PDB file of N, CA and C in Angstrom:
ATOM      1  N   MET A   1      12.851  -6.059 -15.818  1.00  0.00           N
ATOM      2  CA  MET A   1      13.841  -6.097 -14.751  1.00  0.00           C
ATOM      3  C   MET A   1      13.128  -5.873 -13.422  1.00  0.00           C
ATOM      4  N   GLN A   2      13.463  -6.663 -12.453  1.00  0.00           N
ATOM      5  CA  GLN A   2      12.837  -6.536 -11.140  1.00  0.00           C
ATOM      6  C   GLN A   2      13.919  -6.471 -10.086  1.00  0.00           C
ATOM      7  N   GLY A   3      13.867  -5.452  -9.223  1.00  0.00           N
ATOM      8  CA  GLY A   3      14.837  -5.313  -8.155  1.00  0.00           C
ATOM      9  C   GLY A   3      14.202  -5.615  -6.819  1.00  0.00           C
ATOM     10  N   THR A   4      14.992  -6.050  -5.877  1.00  0.00           N
ATOM     11  CA  THR A   4      14.458  -6.313  -4.546  1.00  0.00           C
ATOM     12  C   THR A   4      15.291  -5.574  -3.513  1.00  0.00           C
ATOM     13  N   LEU A   5      14.646  -5.194  -2.459  1.00  0.00           N
ATOM     14  CA  LEU A   5      15.299  -4.539  -1.336  1.00  0.00           C
ATOM     15  C   LEU A   5      16.035  -5.603  -0.523  1.00  0.00           C
ATOM     16  N   ALA A   6      17.249  -5.319  -0.118  1.00  0.00           N
ATOM     17  CA  ALA A   6      17.965  -6.246   0.754  1.00  0.00           C
ATOM     18  C   ALA A   6      17.256  -6.246   2.100  1.00  0.00           C
ATOM     19  N   LEU A   7      16.701  -7.386   2.472  1.00  0.00           N
ATOM     20  CA  LEU A   7      15.933  -7.471   3.716  1.00  0.00           C
ATOM     21  C   LEU A   7      16.837  -7.604   4.926  1.00  0.00           C
ATOM     22  N   ASN A   8      16.463  -6.943   5.961  1.00  0.00           N
ATOM     23  CA  ASN A   8      17.157  -7.040   7.234  1.00  0.00           C
ATOM     24  C   ASN A   8      16.521  -8.214   7.993  1.00  0.00           C
ATOM     25  N   ARG A   9      17.037  -9.412   7.743  1.00  0.00           N
ATOM     26  CA  ARG A   9      16.449 -10.618   8.336  1.00  0.00           C
ATOM     27  C   ARG A   9      16.544 -10.598   9.863  1.00  0.00           C
ATOM     28  N   ALA A  10      17.622 -10.060  10.391  1.00  0.00           N
ATOM     29  CA  ALA A  10      17.764  -9.991  11.849  1.00  0.00           C
ATOM     30  C   ALA A  10      16.660  -9.124  12.451  1.00  0.00           C
ATOM     31  N   GLU A  11      16.365  -7.988  11.816  1.00  0.00           N
ATOM     32  CA  GLU A  11      15.300  -7.123  12.318  1.00  0.00           C
ATOM     33  C   GLU A  11      13.931  -7.769  12.128  1.00  0.00           C
ATOM     34  N   LEU A  12      13.730  -8.488  11.038  1.00  0.00           N
ATOM     35  CA  LEU A  12      12.467  -9.214  10.861  1.00  0.00           C
ATOM     36  C   LEU A  12      12.267 -10.238  11.978  1.00  0.00           C
ATOM     37  N   ARG A  13      13.343 -10.937  12.356  1.00  0.00           N
ATOM     38  CA  ARG A  13      13.256 -11.885  13.479  1.00  0.00           C
ATOM     39  C   ARG A  13      12.911 -11.167  14.773  1.00  0.00           C
ATOM     40  N   ARG A  14      13.545 -10.013  15.006  1.00  0.00           N
ATOM     41  CA  ARG A  14      13.253  -9.236  16.209  1.00  0.00           C
ATOM     42  C   ARG A  14      11.801  -8.750  16.199  1.00  0.00           C
ATOM     43  N   TYR A  15      11.336  -8.299  15.046  1.00  0.00           N
ATOM     44  CA  TYR A  15       9.949  -7.848  14.932  1.00  0.00           C
ATOM     45  C   TYR A  15       8.987  -8.987  15.250  1.00  0.00           C
ATOM     46  N   LEU A  16       9.201 -10.133  14.637  1.00  0.00           N
ATOM     47  CA  LEU A  16       8.321 -11.270  14.903  1.00  0.00           C
ATOM     48  C   LEU A  16       8.363 -11.667  16.373  1.00  0.00           C
ATOM     49  N   SER A  17       9.510 -11.531  16.998  1.00  0.00           N
ATOM     50  CA  SER A  17       9.621 -11.821  18.427  1.00  0.00           C
ATOM     51  C   SER A  17       8.794 -10.828  19.240  1.00  0.00           C
ATOM     52  N   ARG A  18       8.867  -9.536  18.881  1.00  0.00           N
ATOM     53  CA  ARG A  18       8.089  -8.520  19.592  1.00  0.00           C
ATOM     54  C   ARG A  18       6.592  -8.789  19.447  1.00  0.00           C
ATOM     55  N   VAL A  19       6.171  -9.144  18.243  1.00  0.00           N
ATOM     56  CA  VAL A  19       4.758  -9.451  18.012  1.00  0.00           C
ATOM     57  C   VAL A  19       4.362 -10.715  18.768  1.00  0.00           C
ATOM     58  N   SER A  20       5.208 -11.731  18.709  1.00  0.00           N
ATOM     59  CA  SER A  20       4.904 -13.013  19.360  1.00  0.00           C
ATOM     60  C   SER A  20       4.868 -12.905  20.883  1.00  0.00           C
ATOM     61  N   ASN A  21       5.517 -11.892  21.434  1.00  0.00           N
ATOM     62  CA  ASN A  21       5.416 -11.655  22.876  1.00  0.00           C
ATOM     63  C   ASN A  21       4.006 -11.219  23.269  1.00  0.00           C
ATOM     64  N   ARG A  22       3.245 -10.702  22.297  1.00  0.00           N
ATOM     65  CA  ARG A  22       1.877 -10.250  22.548  1.00  0.00           C
ATOM     66  C   ARG A  22       0.838 -11.252  22.053  1.00  0.00           C
ATOM     67  N   TRP A  23       1.095 -11.826  20.880  1.00  0.00           N
ATOM     68  CA  TRP A  23       0.135 -12.721  20.248  1.00  0.00           C
ATOM     69  C   TRP A  23       0.880 -13.902  19.616  1.00  0.00           C
ATOM     70  N   GLN A  24       0.366 -15.105  19.772  1.00  0.00           N
ATOM     71  CA  GLN A  24       0.961 -16.278  19.137  1.00  0.00           C
ATOM     72  C   GLN A  24       0.521 -16.310  17.674  1.00  0.00           C
ATOM     73  N   LEU A  25       1.465 -16.168  16.764  1.00  0.00           N
ATOM     74  CA  LEU A  25       1.144 -16.054  15.344  1.00  0.00           C
ATOM     75  C   LEU A  25       0.872 -17.412  14.703  1.00  0.00           C
ATOM     76  N   ASP A  26      -0.175 -17.432  13.863  1.00  0.00           N
ATOM     77  CA  ASP A  26      -0.471 -18.592  13.028  1.00  0.00           C
ATOM     78  C   ASP A  26       0.031 -18.368  11.610  1.00  0.00           C
ATOM     79  N   GLY A  27       0.260 -17.111  11.248  1.00  0.00           N
ATOM     80  CA  GLY A  27       0.749 -16.772   9.919  1.00  0.00           C
ATOM     81  C   GLY A  27       1.315 -15.369   9.902  1.00  0.00           C
ATOM     82  N   ALA A  28       2.298 -15.155   9.032  1.00  0.00           N
ATOM     83  CA  ALA A  28       2.891 -13.826   8.844  1.00  0.00           C
ATOM     84  C   ALA A  28       3.443 -13.767   7.425  1.00  0.00           C
ATOM     85  N   PHE A  29       2.972 -12.790   6.651  1.00  0.00           N
ATOM     86  CA  PHE A  29       3.364 -12.664   5.253  1.00  0.00           C
ATOM     87  C   PHE A  29       3.843 -11.246   4.988  1.00  0.00           C
ATOM     88  N   LEU A  30       4.880 -11.118   4.193  1.00  0.00           N
ATOM     89  CA  LEU A  30       5.464  -9.814   3.891  1.00  0.00           C
ATOM     90  C   LEU A  30       5.453  -9.599   2.389  1.00  0.00           C
ATOM     91  N   GLY A  31       4.933  -8.460   1.972  1.00  0.00           N
ATOM     92  CA  GLY A  31       4.919  -8.069   0.565  1.00  0.00           C
ATOM     93  C   GLY A  31       5.029  -6.566   0.485  1.00  0.00           C
ATOM     94  N   GLY A  32       4.539  -6.001  -0.599  1.00  0.00           N
ATOM     95  CA  GLY A  32       4.502  -4.557  -0.756  1.00  0.00           C
ATOM     96  C   GLY A  32       5.569  -4.009  -1.678  1.00  0.00           C
ATOM     97  N   SER A  33       5.464  -2.720  -1.930  1.00  0.00           N
ATOM     98  CA  SER A  33       6.361  -2.066  -2.877  1.00  0.00           C
ATOM     99  C   SER A  33       7.800  -2.006  -2.385  1.00  0.00           C
ATOM    100  N   ALA A  34       8.028  -2.113  -1.086  1.00  0.00           N
ATOM    101  CA  ALA A  34       9.405  -2.112  -0.581  1.00  0.00           C
ATOM    102  C   ALA A  34      10.072  -3.454  -0.850  1.00  0.00           C
ATOM    103  N   LEU A  35       9.272  -4.505  -1.008  1.00  0.00           N
ATOM    104  CA  LEU A  35       9.834  -5.824  -1.286  1.00  0.00           C
ATOM    105  C   LEU A  35      10.261  -5.927  -2.744  1.00  0.00           C
ATOM    106  N   THR A  36       9.482  -5.358  -3.634  1.00  0.00           N
ATOM    107  CA  THR A  36       9.852  -5.316  -5.045  1.00  0.00           C
ATOM    108  C   THR A  36       9.828  -3.872  -5.503  1.00  0.00           C
ATOM    109  N   SER A  37      10.876  -3.436  -6.130  1.00  0.00           N
ATOM    110  CA  SER A  37      10.973  -2.020  -6.494  1.00  0.00           C
ATOM    111  C   SER A  37      10.475  -1.739  -7.901  1.00  0.00           C
ATOM    112  N   VAL A  38      10.005  -2.740  -8.606  1.00  0.00           N
ATOM    113  CA  VAL A  38       9.454  -2.547  -9.941  1.00  0.00           C
ATOM    114  C   VAL A  38       8.030  -3.072  -9.935  1.00  0.00           C
ATOM    115  N   GLY A  39       7.102  -2.268 -10.470  1.00  0.00           N
ATOM    116  CA  GLY A  39       5.689  -2.638 -10.480  1.00  0.00           C
ATOM    117  C   GLY A  39       5.380  -3.779 -11.436  1.00  0.00           C
ATOM    118  N   ASP A  40       4.122  -4.232 -11.420  1.00  0.00           N
ATOM    119  CA  ASP A  40       3.676  -5.358 -12.233  1.00  0.00           C
ATOM    120  C   ASP A  40       3.824  -5.123 -13.726  1.00  0.00           C
ATOM    121  N   HIS A  41       3.803  -3.886 -14.172  1.00  0.00           N
ATOM    122  CA  HIS A  41       3.853  -3.581 -15.592  1.00  0.00           C
ATOM    123  C   HIS A  41       5.235  -3.102 -16.021  1.00  0.00           C
ATOM    124  N   GLY A  42       6.246  -3.337 -15.191  1.00  0.00           N
ATOM    125  CA  GLY A  42       7.597  -2.928 -15.535  1.00  0.00           C
ATOM    126  C   GLY A  42       7.872  -1.461 -15.271  1.00  0.00           C
ATOM    127  N   LEU A  43       6.965  -0.770 -14.615  1.00  0.00           N
ATOM    128  CA  LEU A  43       7.145   0.641 -14.317  1.00  0.00           C
ATOM    129  C   LEU A  43       7.694   0.797 -12.909  1.00  0.00           C
ATOM    130  N   ALA A  44       8.638   1.690 -12.754  1.00  0.00           N
ATOM    131  CA  ALA A  44       9.205   1.927 -11.429  1.00  0.00           C
ATOM    132  C   ALA A  44       8.132   2.480 -10.499  1.00  0.00           C
ATOM    133  N   VAL A  45       8.141   2.039  -9.267  1.00  0.00           N
ATOM    134  CA  VAL A  45       7.210   2.540  -8.264  1.00  0.00           C
ATOM    135  C   VAL A  45       7.644   3.941  -7.876  1.00  0.00           C
ATOM    136  N   GLU A  46       6.710   4.907  -7.978  1.00  0.00           N
ATOM    137  CA  GLU A  46       7.069   6.299  -7.738  1.00  0.00           C
ATOM    138  C   GLU A  46       6.724   6.777  -6.336  1.00  0.00           C
ATOM    139  N   THR A  47       5.918   6.046  -5.614  1.00  0.00           N
ATOM    140  CA  THR A  47       5.585   6.445  -4.256  1.00  0.00           C
ATOM    141  C   THR A  47       6.635   5.891  -3.301  1.00  0.00           C
ATOM    142  N   ALA A  48       6.628   6.414  -2.087  1.00  0.00           N
ATOM    143  CA  ALA A  48       7.570   5.911  -1.083  1.00  0.00           C
ATOM    144  C   ALA A  48       7.307   4.426  -0.867  1.00  0.00           C
ATOM    145  N   PRO A  49       8.344   3.617  -0.919  1.00  0.00           N
ATOM    146  CA  PRO A  49       8.125   2.172  -0.744  1.00  0.00           C
ATOM    147  C   PRO A  49       7.638   1.850   0.662  1.00  0.00           C
ATOM    148  N   ARG A  50       6.737   0.878   0.731  1.00  0.00           N
ATOM    149  CA  ARG A  50       6.197   0.409   2.006  1.00  0.00           C
ATOM    150  C   ARG A  50       6.097  -1.100   1.943  1.00  0.00           C
ATOM    151  N   PHE A  51       6.226  -1.692   3.098  1.00  0.00           N
ATOM    152  CA  PHE A  51       5.976  -3.114   3.218  1.00  0.00           C
ATOM    153  C   PHE A  51       4.501  -3.325   3.532  1.00  0.00           C
ATOM    154  N   THR A  52       3.959  -4.410   3.034  1.00  0.00           N
ATOM    155  CA  THR A  52       2.644  -4.887   3.443  1.00  0.00           C
ATOM    156  C   THR A  52       2.894  -6.076   4.346  1.00  0.00           C
ATOM    157  N   LEU A  53       2.321  -6.055   5.523  1.00  0.00           N
ATOM    158  CA  LEU A  53       2.517  -7.128   6.485  1.00  0.00           C
ATOM    159  C   LEU A  53       1.160  -7.695   6.866  1.00  0.00           C
ATOM    160  N   VAL A  54       1.002  -9.000   6.702  1.00  0.00           N
ATOM    161  CA  VAL A  54      -0.238  -9.677   7.067  1.00  0.00           C
ATOM    162  C   VAL A  54       0.068 -10.582   8.254  1.00  0.00           C
ATOM    163  N   LEU A  55      -0.579 -10.307   9.368  1.00  0.00           N
ATOM    164  CA  LEU A  55      -0.413 -11.116  10.573  1.00  0.00           C
ATOM    165  C   LEU A  55      -1.719 -11.860  10.837  1.00  0.00           C
ATOM    166  N   VAL A  56      -1.598 -13.152  11.166  1.00  0.00           N
ATOM    167  CA  VAL A  56      -2.774 -13.986  11.389  1.00  0.00           C
ATOM    168  C   VAL A  56      -2.634 -14.698  12.727  1.00  0.00           C
ATOM    169  N   THR A  57      -3.634 -14.504  13.588  1.00  0.00           N
ATOM    170  CA  THR A  57      -3.683 -15.205  14.867  1.00  0.00           C
ATOM    171  C   THR A  57      -5.084 -15.090  15.452  1.00  0.00           C
ATOM    172  N   ASP A  58      -5.555 -16.155  16.040  1.00  0.00           N
ATOM    173  CA  ASP A  58      -6.845 -16.098  16.718  1.00  0.00           C
ATOM    174  C   ASP A  58      -6.761 -15.289  18.009  1.00  0.00           C
ATOM    175  N   SER A  59      -5.552 -14.944  18.434  1.00  0.00           N
ATOM    176  CA  SER A  59      -5.386 -14.068  19.596  1.00  0.00           C
ATOM    177  C   SER A  59      -5.955 -12.676  19.338  1.00  0.00           C
ATOM    178  N   PHE A  60      -6.142 -12.307  18.072  1.00  0.00           N
ATOM    179  CA  PHE A  60      -6.727 -11.014  17.733  1.00  0.00           C
ATOM    180  C   PHE A  60      -8.234 -10.972  17.992  1.00  0.00           C
ATOM    181  N   ASP A  61      -8.835 -12.114  18.262  1.00  0.00           N
ATOM    182  CA  ASP A  61     -10.293 -12.203  18.375  1.00  0.00           C
ATOM    183  C   ASP A  61     -10.875 -11.183  19.352  1.00  0.00           C
ATOM    184  N   ALA A  62     -10.230 -10.948  20.467  1.00  0.00           N
ATOM    185  CA  ALA A  62     -10.752 -10.027  21.482  1.00  0.00           C
ATOM    186  C   ALA A  62     -10.182  -8.613  21.350  1.00  0.00           C
ATOM    187  N   VAL A  63      -9.371  -8.369  20.313  1.00  0.00           N
ATOM    188  CA  VAL A  63      -8.710  -7.074  20.152  1.00  0.00           C
ATOM    189  C   VAL A  63      -9.369  -6.319  18.997  1.00  0.00           C
ATOM    190  N   PRO A  64      -9.843  -5.096  19.212  1.00  0.00           N
ATOM    191  CA  PRO A  64     -10.442  -4.318  18.127  1.00  0.00           C
ATOM    192  C   PRO A  64      -9.449  -4.125  16.968  1.00  0.00           C
ATOM    193  N   TRP A  65      -9.990  -4.078  15.752  1.00  0.00           N
ATOM    194  CA  TRP A  65      -9.177  -3.998  14.532  1.00  0.00           C
ATOM    195  C   TRP A  65      -8.136  -2.873  14.599  1.00  0.00           C
ATOM    196  N   LEU A  66      -8.568  -1.664  14.925  1.00  0.00           N
ATOM    197  CA  LEU A  66      -7.628  -0.539  14.924  1.00  0.00           C
ATOM    198  C   LEU A  66      -6.530  -0.695  15.975  1.00  0.00           C
ATOM    199  N   GLU A  67      -6.836  -1.304  17.085  1.00  0.00           N
ATOM    200  CA  GLU A  67      -5.825  -1.551  18.119  1.00  0.00           C
ATOM    201  C   GLU A  67      -4.793  -2.551  17.614  1.00  0.00           C
ATOM    202  N   ARG A  68      -5.237  -3.592  16.933  1.00  0.00           N
ATOM    203  CA  ARG A  68      -4.317  -4.588  16.352  1.00  0.00           C
ATOM    204  C   ARG A  68      -3.322  -3.899  15.420  1.00  0.00           C
ATOM    205  N   VAL A  69      -3.884  -3.109  14.511  1.00  0.00           N
ATOM    206  CA  VAL A  69      -3.062  -2.436  13.503  1.00  0.00           C
ATOM    207  C   VAL A  69      -2.121  -1.435  14.163  1.00  0.00           C
ATOM    208  N   ARG A  70      -2.625  -0.678  15.123  1.00  0.00           N
ATOM    209  CA  ARG A  70      -1.789   0.330  15.803  1.00  0.00           C
ATOM    210  C   ARG A  70      -0.602  -0.333  16.495  1.00  0.00           C
ATOM    211  N   VAL A  71      -0.855  -1.406  17.231  1.00  0.00           N
ATOM    212  CA  VAL A  71       0.226  -2.085  17.946  1.00  0.00           C
ATOM    213  C   VAL A  71       1.208  -2.713  16.962  1.00  0.00           C
ATOM    214  N   ALA A  72       0.698  -3.400  15.941  1.00  0.00           N
ATOM    215  CA  ALA A  72       1.587  -4.037  14.958  1.00  0.00           C
ATOM    216  C   ALA A  72       2.477  -3.005  14.271  1.00  0.00           C
ATOM    217  N   ALA A  73       1.917  -1.853  13.941  1.00  0.00           N
ATOM    218  CA  ALA A  73       2.706  -0.797  13.297  1.00  0.00           C
ATOM    219  C   ALA A  73       3.713  -0.185  14.266  1.00  0.00           C
ATOM    220  N   SER A  74       3.332  -0.031  15.527  1.00  0.00           N
ATOM    221  CA  SER A  74       4.237   0.595  16.505  1.00  0.00           C
ATOM    222  C   SER A  74       5.455  -0.284  16.806  1.00  0.00           C
ATOM    223  N   LEU A  75       5.324  -1.567  16.602  1.00  0.00           N
ATOM    224  CA  LEU A  75       6.443  -2.487  16.856  1.00  0.00           C
ATOM    225  C   LEU A  75       7.437  -2.545  15.691  1.00  0.00           C
ATOM    226  N   TRP A  76       7.047  -2.020  14.536  1.00  0.00           N
ATOM    227  CA  TRP A  76       7.865  -2.041  13.317  1.00  0.00           C
ATOM    228  C   TRP A  76       8.915  -0.945  13.382  1.00  0.00           C
ATOM    229  N   ASP A  77      10.165  -1.243  13.062  1.00  0.00           N
ATOM    230  CA  ASP A  77      11.237  -0.259  13.038  1.00  0.00           C
ATOM    231  C   ASP A  77      11.560   0.084  11.581  1.00  0.00           C
ATOM    232  N   ALA A  78      10.933   1.148  11.073  1.00  0.00           N
ATOM    233  CA  ALA A  78      11.105   1.540   9.677  1.00  0.00           C
ATOM    234  C   ALA A  78      12.557   1.902   9.363  1.00  0.00           C
ATOM    235  N   GLY A  79      13.261   2.478  10.328  1.00  0.00           N
ATOM    236  CA  GLY A  79      14.664   2.820  10.111  1.00  0.00           C
ATOM    237  C   GLY A  79      15.516   1.586   9.859  1.00  0.00           C
ATOM    238  N   GLU A  80      15.292   0.548  10.637  1.00  0.00           N
ATOM    239  CA  GLU A  80      16.034  -0.706  10.463  1.00  0.00           C
ATOM    240  C   GLU A  80      15.618  -1.447   9.199  1.00  0.00           C
ATOM    241  N   MET A  81      14.332  -1.353   8.847  1.00  0.00           N
ATOM    242  CA  MET A  81      13.815  -2.094   7.699  1.00  0.00           C
ATOM    243  C   MET A  81      13.944  -1.330   6.384  1.00  0.00           C
ATOM    244  N   GLY A  82      14.202  -0.037   6.454  1.00  0.00           N
ATOM    245  CA  GLY A  82      14.370   0.748   5.240  1.00  0.00           C
ATOM    246  C   GLY A  82      13.074   1.252   4.632  1.00  0.00           C
ATOM    247  N   ALA A  83      11.955   0.935   5.258  1.00  0.00           N
ATOM    248  CA  ALA A  83      10.653   1.403   4.764  1.00  0.00           C
ATOM    249  C   ALA A  83       9.608   1.200   5.848  1.00  0.00           C
ATOM    250  N   GLY A  84       8.520   1.930   5.726  1.00  0.00           N
ATOM    251  CA  GLY A  84       7.405   1.791   6.654  1.00  0.00           C
ATOM    252  C   GLY A  84       6.604   0.534   6.360  1.00  0.00           C
ATOM    253  N   VAL A  85       5.543   0.348   7.135  1.00  0.00           N
ATOM    254  CA  VAL A  85       4.732  -0.865   7.004  1.00  0.00           C
ATOM    255  C   VAL A  85       3.252  -0.523   7.022  1.00  0.00           C
ATOM    256  N   GLU A  86       2.498  -1.287   6.284  1.00  0.00           N
ATOM    257  CA  GLU A  86       1.041  -1.243   6.329  1.00  0.00           C
ATOM    258  C   GLU A  86       0.579  -2.610   6.824  1.00  0.00           C
ATOM    259  N   PRO A  87       0.254  -2.720   8.115  1.00  0.00           N
ATOM    260  CA  PRO A  87      -0.124  -4.032   8.646  1.00  0.00           C
ATOM    261  C   PRO A  87      -1.605  -4.352   8.444  1.00  0.00           C
ATOM    262  N   TYR A  88      -1.866  -5.608   8.187  1.00  0.00           N
ATOM    263  CA  TYR A  88      -3.213  -6.172   8.141  1.00  0.00           C
ATOM    264  C   TYR A  88      -3.228  -7.271   9.189  1.00  0.00           C
ATOM    265  N   CYS A  89      -4.123  -7.180  10.153  1.00  0.00           N
ATOM    266  CA  CYS A  89      -4.119  -8.090  11.293  1.00  0.00           C
ATOM    267  C   CYS A  89      -5.454  -8.828  11.367  1.00  0.00           C
ATOM    268  N   TYR A  90      -5.411 -10.134  11.157  1.00  0.00           N
ATOM    269  CA  TYR A  90      -6.629 -10.928  11.047  1.00  0.00           C
ATOM    270  C   TYR A  90      -6.617 -12.141  11.969  1.00  0.00           C
ATOM    271  N   THR A  91      -7.811 -12.528  12.409  1.00  0.00           N
ATOM    272  CA  THR A  91      -7.977 -13.867  12.979  1.00  0.00           C
ATOM    273  C   THR A  91      -7.943 -14.836  11.794  1.00  0.00           C
ATOM    274  N   ARG A  92      -7.845 -16.122  12.062  1.00  0.00           N
ATOM    275  CA  ARG A  92      -7.824 -17.091  10.958  1.00  0.00           C
ATOM    276  C   ARG A  92      -9.109 -17.025  10.128  1.00  0.00           C
ATOM    277  N   MET A  93     -10.262 -16.842  10.770  1.00  0.00           N
ATOM    278  CA  MET A  93     -11.527 -16.755  10.034  1.00  0.00           C
ATOM    279  C   MET A  93     -11.568 -15.500   9.160  1.00  0.00           C
ATOM    280  N   GLU A  94     -11.127 -14.366   9.713  1.00  0.00           N
ATOM    281  CA  GLU A  94     -11.077 -13.123   8.936  1.00  0.00           C
ATOM    282  C   GLU A  94     -10.112 -13.267   7.763  1.00  0.00           C
ATOM    283  N   PHE A  95      -8.979 -13.897   8.018  1.00  0.00           N
ATOM    284  CA  PHE A  95      -7.980 -14.098   6.969  1.00  0.00           C
ATOM    285  C   PHE A  95      -8.553 -14.941   5.833  1.00  0.00           C
ATOM    286  N   ASP A  96      -9.276 -15.995   6.152  1.00  0.00           N
ATOM    287  CA  ASP A  96      -9.884 -16.839   5.120  1.00  0.00           C
ATOM    288  C   ASP A  96     -10.822 -16.024   4.229  1.00  0.00           C
ATOM    289  N   ARG A  97     -11.534 -15.060   4.812  1.00  0.00           N
ATOM    290  CA  ARG A  97     -12.451 -14.214   4.036  1.00  0.00           C
ATOM    291  C   ARG A  97     -11.710 -13.134   3.245  1.00  0.00           C
ATOM    292  N   GLN A  98     -10.637 -12.593   3.802  1.00  0.00           N
ATOM    293  CA  GLN A  98      -9.965 -11.436   3.200  1.00  0.00           C
ATOM    294  C   GLN A  98      -8.785 -11.779   2.294  1.00  0.00           C
ATOM    295  N   ARG A  99      -8.257 -12.976   2.418  1.00  0.00           N
ATOM    296  CA  ARG A  99      -7.027 -13.355   1.709  1.00  0.00           C
ATOM    297  C   ARG A  99      -7.078 -13.019   0.218  1.00  0.00           C
ATOM    298  N   ASP A 100      -8.151 -13.348  -0.445  1.00  0.00           N
ATOM    299  CA  ASP A 100      -8.238 -13.088  -1.879  1.00  0.00           C
ATOM    300  C   ASP A 100      -9.065 -11.848  -2.214  1.00  0.00           C
ATOM    301  N   ALA A 101      -9.762 -11.283  -1.226  1.00  0.00           N
ATOM    302  CA  ALA A 101     -10.624 -10.129  -1.463  1.00  0.00           C
ATOM    303  C   ALA A 101      -9.871  -8.799  -1.417  1.00  0.00           C
ATOM    304  N   VAL A 102      -8.815  -8.724  -0.639  1.00  0.00           N
ATOM    305  CA  VAL A 102      -8.052  -7.476  -0.481  1.00  0.00           C
ATOM    306  C   VAL A 102      -6.771  -7.598  -1.317  1.00  0.00           C
ATOM    307  N   PRO A 103      -6.624  -6.786  -2.360  1.00  0.00           N
ATOM    308  CA  PRO A 103      -5.477  -6.939  -3.265  1.00  0.00           C
ATOM    309  C   PRO A 103      -4.114  -6.930  -2.577  1.00  0.00           C
ATOM    310  N   ALA A 104      -3.890  -6.038  -1.618  1.00  0.00           N
ATOM    311  CA  ALA A 104      -2.583  -5.983  -0.945  1.00  0.00           C
ATOM    312  C   ALA A 104      -2.323  -7.259  -0.155  1.00  0.00           C
ATOM    313  N   VAL A 105      -3.358  -7.811   0.459  1.00  0.00           N
ATOM    314  CA  VAL A 105      -3.217  -9.052   1.228  1.00  0.00           C
ATOM    315  C   VAL A 105      -2.953 -10.210   0.273  1.00  0.00           C
ATOM    316  N   ARG A 106      -3.738 -10.290  -0.792  1.00  0.00           N
ATOM    317  CA  ARG A 106      -3.555 -11.347  -1.788  1.00  0.00           C
ATOM    318  C   ARG A 106      -2.126 -11.331  -2.342  1.00  0.00           C
ATOM    319  N   ASP A 107      -1.619 -10.137  -2.661  1.00  0.00           N
ATOM    320  CA  ASP A 107      -0.266 -10.024  -3.201  1.00  0.00           C
ATOM    321  C   ASP A 107       0.784 -10.485  -2.199  1.00  0.00           C
ATOM    322  N   ALA A 108       0.626 -10.089  -0.934  1.00  0.00           N
ATOM    323  CA  ALA A 108       1.606 -10.491   0.093  1.00  0.00           C
ATOM    324  C   ALA A 108       1.595 -12.003   0.298  1.00  0.00           C
ATOM    325  N   VAL A 109       0.404 -12.602   0.269  1.00  0.00           N
ATOM    326  CA  VAL A 109       0.298 -14.049   0.496  1.00  0.00           C
ATOM    327  C   VAL A 109       0.819 -14.834  -0.703  1.00  0.00           C
ATOM    328  N   TRP A 110       0.420 -14.441  -1.908  1.00  0.00           N
ATOM    329  CA  TRP A 110       0.758 -15.240  -3.091  1.00  0.00           C
ATOM    330  C   TRP A 110       2.115 -14.899  -3.698  1.00  0.00           C
ATOM    331  N   HIS A 111       2.596 -13.660  -3.515  1.00  0.00           N
ATOM    332  CA  HIS A 111       3.848 -13.254  -4.168  1.00  0.00           C
ATOM    333  C   HIS A 111       4.919 -12.773  -3.197  1.00  0.00           C
ATOM    334  N   GLY A 112       4.574 -12.657  -1.932  1.00  0.00           N
ATOM    335  CA  GLY A 112       5.527 -12.173  -0.934  1.00  0.00           C
ATOM    336  C   GLY A 112       6.229 -13.329  -0.222  1.00  0.00           C
ATOM    337  N   LEU A 113       6.656 -13.051   0.989  1.00  0.00           N
ATOM    338  CA  LEU A 113       7.387 -14.021   1.786  1.00  0.00           C
ATOM    339  C   LEU A 113       6.532 -14.538   2.945  1.00  0.00           C
ATOM    340  N   ASP A 114       6.535 -15.820   3.151  1.00  0.00           N
ATOM    341  CA  ASP A 114       5.921 -16.423   4.337  1.00  0.00           C
ATOM    342  C   ASP A 114       6.970 -16.309   5.429  1.00  0.00           C
ATOM    343  N   LEU A 115       6.811 -15.361   6.337  1.00  0.00           N
ATOM    344  CA  LEU A 115       7.843 -15.064   7.322  1.00  0.00           C
ATOM    345  C   LEU A 115       8.060 -16.192   8.326  1.00  0.00           C
ATOM    346  N   LEU A 116       7.054 -16.987   8.581  1.00  0.00           N
ATOM    347  CA  LEU A 116       7.237 -18.079   9.521  1.00  0.00           C
ATOM    348  C   LEU A 116       8.093 -19.188   8.927  1.00  0.00           C
ATOM    349  N   VAL A 117       8.240 -19.197   7.603  1.00  0.00           N
ATOM    350  CA  VAL A 117       9.127 -20.136   6.912  1.00  0.00           C
ATOM    351  C   VAL A 117      10.461 -19.461   6.583  1.00  0.00           C
ATOM    352  N   PHE A 118      10.394 -18.216   6.092  1.00  0.00           N
ATOM    353  CA  PHE A 118      11.573 -17.473   5.631  1.00  0.00           C
ATOM    354  C   PHE A 118      12.528 -17.158   6.767  1.00  0.00           C
ATOM    355  N   ILE A 119      12.006 -16.798   7.912  1.00  0.00           N
ATOM    356  CA  ILE A 119      12.832 -16.397   9.053  1.00  0.00           C
ATOM    357  C   ILE A 119      13.015 -17.592   9.890  1.00  0.00           C
TER     358      ILE A 119
END
C-alpha cells in the first residue's frame, strides 16, 4: 500500500514563481518522503516527512552552492506544503553529473514529479 500527500499545487506554483523571479529554471523535480508516505520496502517512514526538490538552471553558475540551497530553502513555505524541503540546486552540467550519482536526486527525477510539467 502506498499513500501520497495531497499536494498544494497553488503553493507549488507560487514557489516556482518566487524561484523564477531569481533564476530562470531549466528543470524542477519534486520527490522525497513527504511525496510518498510508504518506503520502498513497504515500511512506513518513521522520520519527519520532507520533500526533495531538485532545481536546475545555468543561472546558478555564478552562485556558490550553499547560497543556492539557502535561498531555495528560504523561499519554501513548509506550513503551506505540509513538510520541509531539502533542495538540490544544480547547473545543467552539474545536474548531468549528479542525476544518477545522488540517490535523493535520482529518486526525485525518476520517481517524483517534473514540476515544470505538473504545474
